[in-house]
């Protein structure tokens, strides 16, 4: 499977990985919460997103952190999470370029 992925550009692979990661509604809710708070959140995020339990939130936080979208600082028994603005800026640039190129090339008068 890896050989097939290697046939695509690095940008295509990164956009795909980001899209796959962010495709879960729980991860979107966590990212939106962190963006809304505009600061690190420590303590029980499940109180802020009651439809998700602690274990589920923990798993999604780990996925987001592994990909670099969020940062987490351990302070004793607490972990403080916040968005990694540099990563989001990088993905915004990639998606902006993708949409600009794609929308710029659409000419529906020649097809449907």
PDB file of N, CA and C in Angstrom:
ATOM      1  N   UNK A   1       0.829  -1.198   0.000  1.00  0.00           N
ATOM      2  CA  UNK A   1       0.000   0.000   0.000  1.00  0.00           C
ATOM      3  C   UNK A   1       0.871   1.259   0.000  1.00  0.00           C
ATOM      4  N   UNK A   2       1.960   1.248   0.754  1.00  0.00           N
ATOM      5  CA  UNK A   2       2.826   2.419   0.839  1.00  0.00           C
ATOM      6  C   UNK A   2       3.354   2.819  -0.532  1.00  0.00           C
ATOM      7  N   UNK A   3       3.658   1.843  -1.382  1.00  0.00           N
ATOM      8  CA  UNK A   3       4.191   2.144  -2.708  1.00  0.00           C
ATOM      9  C   UNK A   3       3.205   2.971  -3.518  1.00  0.00           C
ATOM     10  N   UNK A   4       1.916   2.702  -3.377  1.00  0.00           N
ATOM     11  CA  UNK A   4       0.908   3.473  -4.104  1.00  0.00           C
ATOM     12  C   UNK A   4       0.860   4.911  -3.610  1.00  0.00           C
ATOM     13  N   UNK A   5       0.983   5.100  -2.317  1.00  0.00           N
ATOM     14  CA  UNK A   5       0.976   6.452  -1.738  1.00  0.00           C
ATOM     15  C   UNK A   5       2.181   7.238  -2.221  1.00  0.00           C
ATOM     16  N   UNK A   6       3.303   6.562  -2.388  1.00  0.00           N
ATOM     17  CA  UNK A   6       4.521   7.231  -2.830  1.00  0.00           C
ATOM     18  C   UNK A   6       4.399   7.815  -4.239  1.00  0.00           C
ATOM     19  N   UNK A   7       3.402   7.393  -4.997  1.00  0.00           N
ATOM     20  CA  UNK A   7       3.198   7.922  -6.342  1.00  0.00           C
ATOM     21  C   UNK A   7       2.593   9.323  -6.339  1.00  0.00           C
ATOM     22  N   UNK A   8       2.208   9.821  -5.182  1.00  0.00           N
ATOM     23  CA  UNK A   8       1.584  11.135  -5.070  1.00  0.00           C
ATOM     24  C   UNK A   8       2.563  12.133  -4.470  1.00  0.00           C
ATOM     25  N   UNK A   9       2.338  13.406  -4.753  1.00  0.00           N
ATOM     26  CA  UNK A   9       3.241  14.434  -4.241  1.00  0.00           C
ATOM     27  C   UNK A   9       3.159  14.515  -2.720  1.00  0.00           C
ATOM     28  N   UNK A  10       4.181  15.096  -2.139  1.00  0.00           N
ATOM     29  CA  UNK A  10       4.208  15.272  -0.692  1.00  0.00           C
ATOM     30  C   UNK A  10       3.017  16.107  -0.233  1.00  0.00           C
ATOM     31  N   UNK A  11       2.708  17.164  -0.981  1.00  0.00           N
ATOM     32  CA  UNK A  11       1.565  18.004  -0.613  1.00  0.00           C
ATOM     33  C   UNK A  11       0.264  17.220  -0.662  1.00  0.00           C
ATOM     34  N   UNK A  12       0.077  16.400  -1.683  1.00  0.00           N
ATOM     35  CA  UNK A  12      -1.131  15.581  -1.768  1.00  0.00           C
ATOM     36  C   UNK A  12      -1.221  14.621  -0.587  1.00  0.00           C
ATOM     37  N   UNK A  13      -0.113  14.047  -0.204  1.00  0.00           N
ATOM     38  CA  UNK A  13      -0.107  13.121   0.928  1.00  0.00           C
ATOM     39  C   UNK A  13      -0.430  13.841   2.236  1.00  0.00           C
ATOM     40  N   UNK A  14       0.143  15.021   2.434  1.00  0.00           N
ATOM     41  CA  UNK A  14      -0.086  15.770   3.670  1.00  0.00           C
ATOM     42  C   UNK A  14      -1.539  16.230   3.753  1.00  0.00           C
ATOM     43  N   UNK A  15      -2.091  16.743   2.659  1.00  0.00           N
ATOM     44  CA  UNK A  15      -3.496  17.160   2.648  1.00  0.00           C
ATOM     45  C   UNK A  15      -4.396  15.974   2.969  1.00  0.00           C
ATOM     46  N   UNK A  16      -4.100  14.827   2.388  1.00  0.00           N
ATOM     47  CA  UNK A  16      -4.884  13.617   2.635  1.00  0.00           C
ATOM     48  C   UNK A  16      -4.804  13.191   4.091  1.00  0.00           C
ATOM     49  N   UNK A  17      -3.613  13.209   4.668  1.00  0.00           N
ATOM     50  CA  UNK A  17      -3.442  12.817   6.071  1.00  0.00           C
ATOM     51  C   UNK A  17      -4.196  13.763   7.001  1.00  0.00           C
ATOM     52  N   UNK A  18      -4.121  15.064   6.716  1.00  0.00           N
ATOM     53  CA  UNK A  18      -4.834  16.038   7.537  1.00  0.00           C
ATOM     54  C   UNK A  18      -6.342  15.832   7.415  1.00  0.00           C
ATOM     55  N   UNK A  19      -6.831  15.653   6.190  1.00  0.00           N
ATOM     56  CA  UNK A  19      -8.263  15.457   5.974  1.00  0.00           C
ATOM     57  C   UNK A  19      -8.756  14.213   6.706  1.00  0.00           C
ATOM     58  N   UNK A  20      -7.982  13.154   6.663  1.00  0.00           N
ATOM     59  CA  UNK A  20      -8.354  11.926   7.354  1.00  0.00           C
ATOM     60  C   UNK A  20      -8.397  12.147   8.864  1.00  0.00           C
ATOM     61  N   UNK A  21      -7.397  12.830   9.392  1.00  0.00           N
ATOM     62  CA  UNK A  21      -7.338  13.080  10.827  1.00  0.00           C
ATOM     63  C   UNK A  21      -8.512  13.926  11.303  1.00  0.00           C
ATOM     64  N   UNK A  22      -8.826  14.972  10.594  1.00  0.00           N
ATOM     65  CA  UNK A  22      -9.832  15.933  11.031  1.00  0.00           C
ATOM     66  C   UNK A  22     -11.245  15.496  10.649  1.00  0.00           C
ATOM     67  N   UNK A  23     -11.372  14.353   9.974  1.00  0.00           N
ATOM     68  CA  UNK A  23     -12.681  13.919   9.485  1.00  0.00           C
ATOM     69  C   UNK A  23     -13.623  13.431  10.580  1.00  0.00           C
ATOM     70  N   UNK A  24     -13.134  13.201  11.773  1.00  0.00           N
ATOM     71  CA  UNK A  24     -14.005  12.726  12.851  1.00  0.00           C
ATOM     72  C   UNK A  24     -14.648  13.913  13.576  1.00  0.00           C
ATOM     73  N   UNK A  25     -15.964  13.889  13.763  1.00  0.00           N
ATOM     74  CA  UNK A  25     -16.640  15.024  14.424  1.00  0.00           C
ATOM     75  C   UNK A  25     -16.134  15.297  15.836  1.00  0.00           C
ATOM     76  N   UNK A  26     -15.694  14.272  16.546  1.00  0.00           N
ATOM     77  CA  UNK A  26     -15.162  14.492  17.898  1.00  0.00           C
ATOM     78  C   UNK A  26     -13.890  15.326  17.842  1.00  0.00           C
ATOM     79  N   UNK A  27     -13.050  15.060  16.859  1.00  0.00           N
ATOM     80  CA  UNK A  27     -11.808  15.831  16.731  1.00  0.00           C
ATOM     81  C   UNK A  27     -12.110  17.270  16.337  1.00  0.00           C
ATOM     82  N   UNK A  28     -13.104  17.446  15.483  1.00  0.00           N
ATOM     83  CA  UNK A  28     -13.505  18.808  15.110  1.00  0.00           C
ATOM     84  C   UNK A  28     -14.014  19.543  16.352  1.00  0.00           C
ATOM     85  N   UNK A  29     -14.824  18.886  17.180  1.00  0.00           N
ATOM     86  CA  UNK A  29     -15.335  19.501  18.404  1.00  0.00           C
ATOM     87  C   UNK A  29     -14.198  19.885  19.346  1.00  0.00           C
ATOM     88  N   UNK A  30     -13.218  19.018  19.486  1.00  0.00           N
ATOM     89  CA  UNK A  30     -12.067  19.305  20.357  1.00  0.00           C
ATOM     90  C   UNK A  30     -11.277  20.489  19.822  1.00  0.00           C
ATOM     91  N   UNK A  31     -11.003  20.510  18.525  1.00  0.00           N
ATOM     92  CA  UNK A  31     -10.256  21.618  17.918  1.00  0.00           C
ATOM     93  C   UNK A  31     -11.034  22.920  18.079  1.00  0.00           C
ATOM     94  N   UNK A  32     -12.354  22.882  17.837  1.00  0.00           N
ATOM     95  CA  UNK A  32     -13.160  24.095  17.983  1.00  0.00           C
ATOM     96  C   UNK A  32     -13.163  24.588  19.425  1.00  0.00           C
ATOM     97  N   UNK A  33     -13.219  23.665  20.384  1.00  0.00           N
ATOM     98  CA  UNK A  33     -13.173  24.059  21.794  1.00  0.00           C
ATOM     99  C   UNK A  33     -11.851  24.736  22.122  1.00  0.00           C
ATOM    100  N   UNK A  34     -10.752  24.133  21.685  1.00  0.00           N
ATOM    101  CA  UNK A  34      -9.442  24.728  21.949  1.00  0.00           C
ATOM    102  C   UNK A  34      -9.310  26.093  21.280  1.00  0.00           C
ATOM    103  N   UNK A  35      -9.849  26.236  20.079  1.00  0.00           N
ATOM    104  CA  UNK A  35      -9.796  27.522  19.374  1.00  0.00           C
ATOM    105  C   UNK A  35     -10.650  28.561  20.095  1.00  0.00           C
ATOM    106  N   UNK A  36     -11.805  28.139  20.565  1.00  0.00           N
ATOM    107  CA  UNK A  36     -12.715  29.051  21.261  1.00  0.00           C
ATOM    108  C   UNK A  36     -12.107  29.570  22.560  1.00  0.00           C
ATOM    109  N   UNK A  37     -11.421  28.695  23.286  1.00  0.00           N
ATOM    110  CA  UNK A  37     -10.842  29.078  24.572  1.00  0.00           C
ATOM    111  C   UNK A  37      -9.609  29.969  24.400  1.00  0.00           C
ATOM    112  N   UNK A  38      -8.953  29.864  23.260  1.00  0.00           N
ATOM    113  CA  UNK A  38      -7.784  30.694  22.947  1.00  0.00           C
ATOM    114  C   UNK A  38      -6.681  30.609  24.004  1.00  0.00           C
ATOM    115  N   UNK A  39      -6.655  29.511  24.728  1.00  0.00           N
ATOM    116  CA  UNK A  39      -5.608  29.291  25.716  1.00  0.00           C
ATOM    117  C   UNK A  39      -5.548  27.804  25.995  1.00  0.00           C
ATOM    118  N   UNK A  40      -4.585  27.426  26.787  1.00  0.00           N
ATOM    119  CA  UNK A  40      -4.477  26.016  27.157  1.00  0.00           C
ATOM    120  C   UNK A  40      -5.652  25.613  28.043  1.00  0.00           C
ATOM    121  N   UNK A  41      -6.096  24.403  27.806  1.00  0.00           N
ATOM    122  CA  UNK A  41      -7.168  23.848  28.629  1.00  0.00           C
ATOM    123  C   UNK A  41      -6.571  22.698  29.422  1.00  0.00           C
ATOM    124  N   UNK A  42      -6.691  22.791  30.709  1.00  0.00           N
ATOM    125  CA  UNK A  42      -6.254  21.670  31.534  1.00  0.00           C
ATOM    126  C   UNK A  42      -7.472  21.140  32.271  1.00  0.00           C
ATOM    127  N   UNK A  43      -7.339  19.965  32.770  1.00  0.00           N
ATOM    128  CA  UNK A  43      -8.464  19.382  33.479  1.00  0.00           C
ATOM    129  C   UNK A  43      -9.296  18.510  32.566  1.00  0.00           C
ATOM    130  N   UNK A  44     -10.553  18.392  32.883  1.00  0.00           N
ATOM    131  CA  UNK A  44     -11.438  17.448  32.228  1.00  0.00           C
ATOM    132  C   UNK A  44     -12.162  18.085  31.043  1.00  0.00           C
ATOM    133  N   UNK A  45     -11.674  17.829  29.852  1.00  0.00           N
ATOM    134  CA  UNK A  45     -12.298  18.365  28.637  1.00  0.00           C
ATOM    135  C   UNK A  45     -13.669  17.742  28.430  1.00  0.00           C
ATOM    136  N   UNK A  46     -13.901  16.557  28.995  1.00  0.00           N
ATOM    137  CA  UNK A  46     -15.207  15.912  28.822  1.00  0.00           C
ATOM    138  C   UNK A  46     -16.336  16.720  29.475  1.00  0.00           C
ATOM    139  N   UNK A  47     -15.995  17.596  30.405  1.00  0.00           N
ATOM    140  CA  UNK A  47     -17.018  18.492  30.965  1.00  0.00           C
ATOM    141  C   UNK A  47     -17.460  19.522  29.925  1.00  0.00           C
ATOM    142  N   UNK A  48     -16.544  19.882  29.042  1.00  0.00           N
ATOM    143  CA  UNK A  48     -16.834  20.857  27.994  1.00  0.00           C
ATOM    144  C   UNK A  48     -17.523  20.216  26.790  1.00  0.00           C
ATOM    145  N   UNK A  49     -17.276  18.919  26.583  1.00  0.00           N
ATOM    146  CA  UNK A  49     -17.875  18.177  25.474  1.00  0.00           C
ATOM    147  C   UNK A  49     -18.554  16.951  26.085  1.00  0.00           C
ATOM    148  N   UNK A  50     -19.737  17.141  26.693  1.00  0.00           N
ATOM    149  CA  UNK A  50     -20.360  16.070  27.478  1.00  0.00           C
ATOM    150  C   UNK A  50     -20.801  14.844  26.675  1.00  0.00           C
ATOM    151  N   UNK A  51     -20.931  14.966  25.359  1.00  0.00           N
ATOM    152  CA  UNK A  51     -21.339  13.816  24.557  1.00  0.00           C
ATOM    153  C   UNK A  51     -20.211  12.798  24.375  1.00  0.00           C
ATOM    154  N   UNK A  52     -19.004  13.142  24.828  1.00  0.00           N
ATOM    155  CA  UNK A  52     -17.856  12.241  24.728  1.00  0.00           C
ATOM    156  C   UNK A  52     -17.344  11.895  26.126  1.00  0.00           C
ATOM    157  N   UNK A  53     -16.956  10.638  26.312  1.00  0.00           N
ATOM    158  CA  UNK A  53     -16.404  10.264  27.607  1.00  0.00           C
ATOM    159  C   UNK A  53     -14.902  10.537  27.634  1.00  0.00           C
ATOM    160  N   UNK A  54     -14.319  10.433  28.808  1.00  0.00           N
ATOM    161  CA  UNK A  54     -12.894  10.765  28.999  1.00  0.00           C
ATOM    162  C   UNK A  54     -11.971   9.912  28.136  1.00  0.00           C
ATOM    163  N   UNK A  55     -12.260   8.619  28.061  1.00  0.00           N
ATOM    164  CA  UNK A  55     -11.404   7.723  27.291  1.00  0.00           C
ATOM    165  C   UNK A  55     -11.419   8.108  25.816  1.00  0.00           C
ATOM    166  N   UNK A  56     -12.604   8.375  25.288  1.00  0.00           N
ATOM    167  CA  UNK A  56     -12.729   8.778  23.889  1.00  0.00           C
ATOM    168  C   UNK A  56     -11.989  10.078  23.633  1.00  0.00           C
ATOM    169  N   UNK A  57     -12.173  11.044  24.496  1.00  0.00           N
ATOM    170  CA  UNK A  57     -11.481  12.328  24.348  1.00  0.00           C
ATOM    171  C   UNK A  57      -9.977  12.125  24.412  1.00  0.00           C
ATOM    172  N   UNK A  58      -9.529  11.328  25.332  1.00  0.00           N
ATOM    173  CA  UNK A  58      -8.102  11.058  25.473  1.00  0.00           C
ATOM    174  C   UNK A  58      -7.521  10.454  24.194  1.00  0.00           C
ATOM    175  N   UNK A  59      -8.241   9.514  23.607  1.00  0.00           N
ATOM    176  CA  UNK A  59      -7.782   8.895  22.362  1.00  0.00           C
ATOM    177  C   UNK A  59      -7.696   9.919  21.232  1.00  0.00           C
ATOM    178  N   UNK A  60      -8.702  10.772  21.122  1.00  0.00           N
ATOM    179  CA  UNK A  60      -8.698  11.789  20.063  1.00  0.00           C
ATOM    180  C   UNK A  60      -7.613  12.843  20.310  1.00  0.00           C
ATOM    181  N   UNK A  61      -7.414  13.218  21.552  1.00  0.00           N
ATOM    182  CA  UNK A  61      -6.344  14.164  21.875  1.00  0.00           C
ATOM    183  C   UNK A  61      -4.988  13.583  21.481  1.00  0.00           C
ATOM    184  N   UNK A  62      -4.796  12.298  21.740  1.00  0.00           N
ATOM    185  CA  UNK A  62      -3.533  11.650  21.394  1.00  0.00           C
ATOM    186  C   UNK A  62      -3.315  11.667  19.885  1.00  0.00           C
ATOM    187  N   UNK A  63      -4.360  11.387  19.103  1.00  0.00           N
ATOM    188  CA  UNK A  63      -4.252  11.417  17.640  1.00  0.00           C
ATOM    189  C   UNK A  63      -3.900  12.824  17.155  1.00  0.00           C
ATOM    190  N   UNK A  64      -4.584  13.825  17.704  1.00  0.00           N
ATOM    191  CA  UNK A  64      -4.319  15.214  17.312  1.00  0.00           C
ATOM    192  C   UNK A  64      -2.900  15.629  17.699  1.00  0.00           C
ATOM    193  N   UNK A  65      -2.469  15.190  18.866  1.00  0.00           N
ATOM    194  CA  UNK A  65      -1.113  15.533  19.335  1.00  0.00           C
ATOM    195  C   UNK A  65      -0.058  14.823  18.495  1.00  0.00           C
ATOM    196  N   UNK A  66      -0.271  13.535  18.191  1.00  0.00           N
ATOM    197  CA  UNK A  66       0.687  12.780  17.379  1.00  0.00           C
ATOM    198  C   UNK A  66       0.889  13.419  16.010  1.00  0.00           C
ATOM    199  N   UNK A  67      -0.168  14.001  15.470  1.00  0.00           N
ATOM    200  CA  UNK A  67      -0.088  14.645  14.162  1.00  0.00           C
ATOM    201  C   UNK A  67       0.482  16.057  14.253  1.00  0.00           C
ATOM    202  N   UNK A  68       0.533  16.593  15.470  1.00  0.00           N
ATOM    203  CA  UNK A  68       1.103  17.921  15.674  1.00  0.00           C
ATOM    204  C   UNK A  68       0.102  19.055  15.646  1.00  0.00           C
ATOM    205  N   UNK A  69      -1.202  18.754  15.591  1.00  0.00           N
ATOM    206  CA  UNK A  69      -2.206  19.818  15.553  1.00  0.00           C
ATOM    207  C   UNK A  69      -2.406  20.485  16.897  1.00  0.00           C
ATOM    208  N   UNK A  70      -2.146  19.741  17.961  1.00  0.00           N
ATOM    209  CA  UNK A  70      -2.244  20.325  19.288  1.00  0.00           C
ATOM    210  C   UNK A  70      -0.944  20.063  20.036  1.00  0.00           C
ATOM    211  N   UNK A  71      -0.741  20.863  21.064  1.00  0.00           N
ATOM    212  CA  UNK A  71       0.404  20.697  21.949  1.00  0.00           C
ATOM    213  C   UNK A  71      -0.139  20.341  23.320  1.00  0.00           C
ATOM    214  N   UNK A  72       0.633  19.598  24.071  1.00  0.00           N
ATOM    215  CA  UNK A  72       0.231  19.236  25.423  1.00  0.00           C
ATOM    216  C   UNK A  72       1.407  19.308  26.358  1.00  0.00           C
ATOM    217  N   UNK A  73       1.246  20.036  27.425  1.00  0.00           N
ATOM    218  CA  UNK A  73       2.285  20.174  28.438  1.00  0.00           C
ATOM    219  C   UNK A  73       1.840  19.434  29.695  1.00  0.00           C
ATOM    220  N   UNK A  74       2.681  18.565  30.202  1.00  0.00           N
ATOM    221  CA  UNK A  74       2.353  17.841  31.423  1.00  0.00           C
ATOM    222  C   UNK A  74       2.883  18.635  32.609  1.00  0.00           C
ATOM    223  N   UNK A  75       1.978  18.924  33.554  1.00  0.00           N
ATOM    224  CA  UNK A  75       2.327  19.665  34.765  1.00  0.00           C
ATOM    225  C   UNK A  75       1.807  18.862  35.952  1.00  0.00           C
ATOM    226  N   UNK A  76       2.649  18.007  36.491  1.00  0.00           N
ATOM    227  CA  UNK A  76       2.193  17.134  37.564  1.00  0.00           C
ATOM    228  C   UNK A  76       1.221  16.108  37.011  1.00  0.00           C
ATOM    229  N   UNK A  77       0.005  16.104  37.544  1.00  0.00           N
ATOM    230  CA  UNK A  77      -1.008  15.168  37.065  1.00  0.00           C
ATOM    231  C   UNK A  77      -1.896  15.781  35.989  1.00  0.00           C
ATOM    232  N   UNK A  78      -1.685  17.048  35.686  1.00  0.00           N
ATOM    233  CA  UNK A  78      -2.512  17.732  34.697  1.00  0.00           C
ATOM    234  C   UNK A  78      -1.796  17.833  33.356  1.00  0.00           C
ATOM    235  N   UNK A  79      -2.575  17.861  32.315  1.00  0.00           N
ATOM    236  CA  UNK A  79      -2.050  18.108  30.976  1.00  0.00           C
ATOM    237  C   UNK A  79      -2.773  19.327  30.440  1.00  0.00           C
ATOM    238  N   UNK A  80      -2.030  20.242  29.887  1.00  0.00           N
ATOM    239  CA  UNK A  80      -2.595  21.467  29.327  1.00  0.00           C
ATOM    240  C   UNK A  80      -2.517  21.369  27.809  1.00  0.00           C
ATOM    241  N   UNK A  81      -3.669  21.432  27.147  1.00  0.00           N
ATOM    242  CA  UNK A  81      -3.726  21.316  25.687  1.00  0.00           C
ATOM    243  C   UNK A  81      -4.040  22.654  25.043  1.00  0.00           C
ATOM    244  N   UNK A  82      -3.396  22.894  23.909  1.00  0.00           N
ATOM    245  CA  UNK A  82      -3.711  24.073  23.101  1.00  0.00           C
ATOM    246  C   UNK A  82      -3.407  23.760  21.640  1.00  0.00           C
ATOM    247  N   UNK A  83      -3.918  24.582  20.756  1.00  0.00           N
ATOM    248  CA  UNK A  83      -3.691  24.388  19.329  1.00  0.00           C
ATOM    249  C   UNK A  83      -2.260  24.736  18.965  1.00  0.00           C
ATOM    250  N   UNK A  84      -1.741  24.061  17.978  1.00  0.00           N
ATOM    251  CA  UNK A  84      -0.435  24.379  17.416  1.00  0.00           C
ATOM    252  C   UNK A  84      -0.696  25.284  16.211  1.00  0.00           C
ATOM    253  N   UNK A  85      -0.664  26.582  16.446  1.00  0.00           N
ATOM    254  CA  UNK A  85      -1.006  27.545  15.393  1.00  0.00           C
ATOM    255  C   UNK A  85      -0.130  27.415  14.151  1.00  0.00           C
ATOM    256  N   UNK A  86       1.132  27.075  14.341  1.00  0.00           N
ATOM    257  CA  UNK A  86       2.024  26.937  13.187  1.00  0.00           C
ATOM    258  C   UNK A  86       1.557  25.824  12.259  1.00  0.00           C
ATOM    259  N   UNK A  87       1.129  24.695  12.840  1.00  0.00           N
ATOM    260  CA  UNK A  87       0.629  23.575  12.030  1.00  0.00           C
ATOM    261  C   UNK A  87      -0.653  23.965  11.304  1.00  0.00           C
ATOM    262  N   UNK A  88      -1.564  24.643  12.011  1.00  0.00           N
ATOM    263  CA  UNK A  88      -2.816  25.039  11.374  1.00  0.00           C
ATOM    264  C   UNK A  88      -2.566  26.037  10.253  1.00  0.00           C
ATOM    265  N   UNK A  89      -1.609  26.925  10.438  1.00  0.00           N
ATOM    266  CA  UNK A  89      -1.259  27.879   9.384  1.00  0.00           C
ATOM    267  C   UNK A  89      -0.698  27.142   8.174  1.00  0.00           C
ATOM    268  N   UNK A  90       0.118  26.134   8.417  1.00  0.00           N
ATOM    269  CA  UNK A  90       0.667  25.320   7.330  1.00  0.00           C
ATOM    270  C   UNK A  90      -0.451  24.624   6.557  1.00  0.00           C
ATOM    271  N   UNK A  91      -1.411  24.023   7.274  1.00  0.00           N
ATOM    272  CA  UNK A  91      -2.505  23.327   6.607  1.00  0.00           C
ATOM    273  C   UNK A  91      -3.445  24.305   5.903  1.00  0.00           C
ATOM    274  N   UNK A  92      -3.629  25.466   6.472  1.00  0.00           N
ATOM    275  CA  UNK A  92      -4.457  26.477   5.819  1.00  0.00           C
ATOM    276  C   UNK A  92      -3.835  26.880   4.487  1.00  0.00           C
ATOM    277  N   UNK A  93      -2.518  27.044   4.471  1.00  0.00           N
ATOM    278  CA  UNK A  93      -1.824  27.397   3.234  1.00  0.00           C
ATOM    279  C   UNK A  93      -1.993  26.293   2.193  1.00  0.00           C
ATOM    280  N   UNK A  94      -1.812  25.037   2.602  1.00  0.00           N
ATOM    281  CA  UNK A  94      -1.960  23.919   1.673  1.00  0.00           C
ATOM    282  C   UNK A  94      -3.387  23.823   1.120  1.00  0.00           C
ATOM    283  N   UNK A  95      -4.380  23.944   2.006  1.00  0.00           N
ATOM    284  CA  UNK A  95      -5.770  23.848   1.551  1.00  0.00           C
ATOM    285  C   UNK A  95      -6.169  25.052   0.710  1.00  0.00           C
ATOM    286  N   UNK A  96      -5.706  26.240   1.076  1.00  0.00           N
ATOM    287  CA  UNK A  96      -5.988  27.428   0.255  1.00  0.00           C
ATOM    288  C   UNK A  96      -5.459  27.234  -1.160  1.00  0.00           C
ATOM    289  N   UNK A  97      -4.224  26.757  -1.267  1.00  0.00           N
ATOM    290  CA  UNK A  97      -3.631  26.516  -2.591  1.00  0.00           C
ATOM    291  C   UNK A  97      -4.402  25.444  -3.342  1.00  0.00           C
ATOM    292  N   UNK A  98      -4.788  24.387  -2.658  1.00  0.00           N
ATOM    293  CA  UNK A  98      -5.559  23.298  -3.271  1.00  0.00           C
ATOM    294  C   UNK A  98      -6.889  23.814  -3.815  1.00  0.00           C
ATOM    295  N   UNK A  99      -7.634  24.556  -2.991  1.00  0.00           N
ATOM    296  CA  UNK A  99      -8.937  25.063  -3.430  1.00  0.00           C
ATOM    297  C   UNK A  99      -8.797  26.134  -4.500  1.00  0.00           C
ATOM    298  N   UNK A 100      -7.803  26.986  -4.372  1.00  0.00           N
ATOM    299  CA  UNK A 100      -7.582  28.025  -5.381  1.00  0.00           C
ATOM    300  C   UNK A 100      -7.290  27.381  -6.737  1.00  0.00           C
ATOM    301  N   UNK A 101      -6.439  26.392  -6.750  1.00  0.00           N
ATOM    302  CA  UNK A 101      -6.093  25.690  -7.988  1.00  0.00           C
ATOM    303  C   UNK A 101      -7.297  24.937  -8.540  1.00  0.00           C
ATOM    304  N   UNK A 102      -8.005  24.221  -7.681  1.00  0.00           N
ATOM    305  CA  UNK A 102      -9.129  23.400  -8.116  1.00  0.00           C
ATOM    306  C   UNK A 102     -10.278  24.252  -8.625  1.00  0.00           C
ATOM    307  N   UNK A 103     -10.669  25.251  -7.865  1.00  0.00           N
ATOM    308  CA  UNK A 103     -11.778  26.116  -8.273  1.00  0.00           C
ATOM    309  C   UNK A 103     -11.396  26.912  -9.504  1.00  0.00           C
ATOM    310  N   UNK A 104     -10.138  27.301  -9.597  1.00  0.00           N
ATOM    311  CA  UNK A 104      -9.679  28.062 -10.757  1.00  0.00           C
ATOM    312  C   UNK A 104      -9.736  27.268 -12.047  1.00  0.00           C
ATOM    313  N   UNK A 105      -9.694  25.935 -11.951  1.00  0.00           N
ATOM    314  CA  UNK A 105      -9.682  25.096 -13.133  1.00  0.00           C
ATOM    315  C   UNK A 105     -11.066  24.555 -13.513  1.00  0.00           C
ATOM    316  N   UNK A 106     -12.081  24.861 -12.736  1.00  0.00           N
ATOM    317  CA  UNK A 106     -13.416  24.333 -13.021  1.00  0.00           C
ATOM    318  C   UNK A 106     -14.062  25.127 -14.164  1.00  0.00           C
ATOM    319  N   UNK A 107     -14.510  24.388 -15.166  1.00  0.00           N
ATOM    320  CA  UNK A 107     -15.270  24.978 -16.264  1.00  0.00           C
ATOM    321  C   UNK A 107     -16.423  24.042 -16.549  1.00  0.00           C
ATOM    322  N   UNK A 108     -17.530  24.250 -15.855  1.00  0.00           N
ATOM    323  CA  UNK A 108     -18.678  23.352 -15.963  1.00  0.00           C
ATOM    324  C   UNK A 108     -19.403  23.466 -17.307  1.00  0.00           C
ATOM    325  N   UNK A 109     -19.083  24.458 -18.082  1.00  0.00           N
ATOM    326  CA  UNK A 109     -19.767  24.594 -19.375  1.00  0.00           C
ATOM    327  C   UNK A 109     -19.335  23.489 -20.343  1.00  0.00           C
ATOM    328  N   UNK A 110     -18.242  22.826 -20.049  1.00  0.00           N
ATOM    329  CA  UNK A 110     -17.743  21.773 -20.932  1.00  0.00           C
ATOM    330  C   UNK A 110     -18.160  20.380 -20.470  1.00  0.00           C
ATOM    331  N   UNK A 111     -18.874  20.289 -19.363  1.00  0.00           N
ATOM    332  CA  UNK A 111     -19.278  18.955 -18.901  1.00  0.00           C
ATOM    333  C   UNK A 111     -20.743  18.967 -18.486  1.00  0.00           C
ATOM    334  N   UNK A 112     -21.012  18.871 -17.249  1.00  0.00           N
ATOM    335  CA  UNK A 112     -22.393  18.754 -16.758  1.00  0.00           C
ATOM    336  C   UNK A 112     -23.030  20.098 -16.772  1.00  0.00           C
TER     337      UNK A 112
END
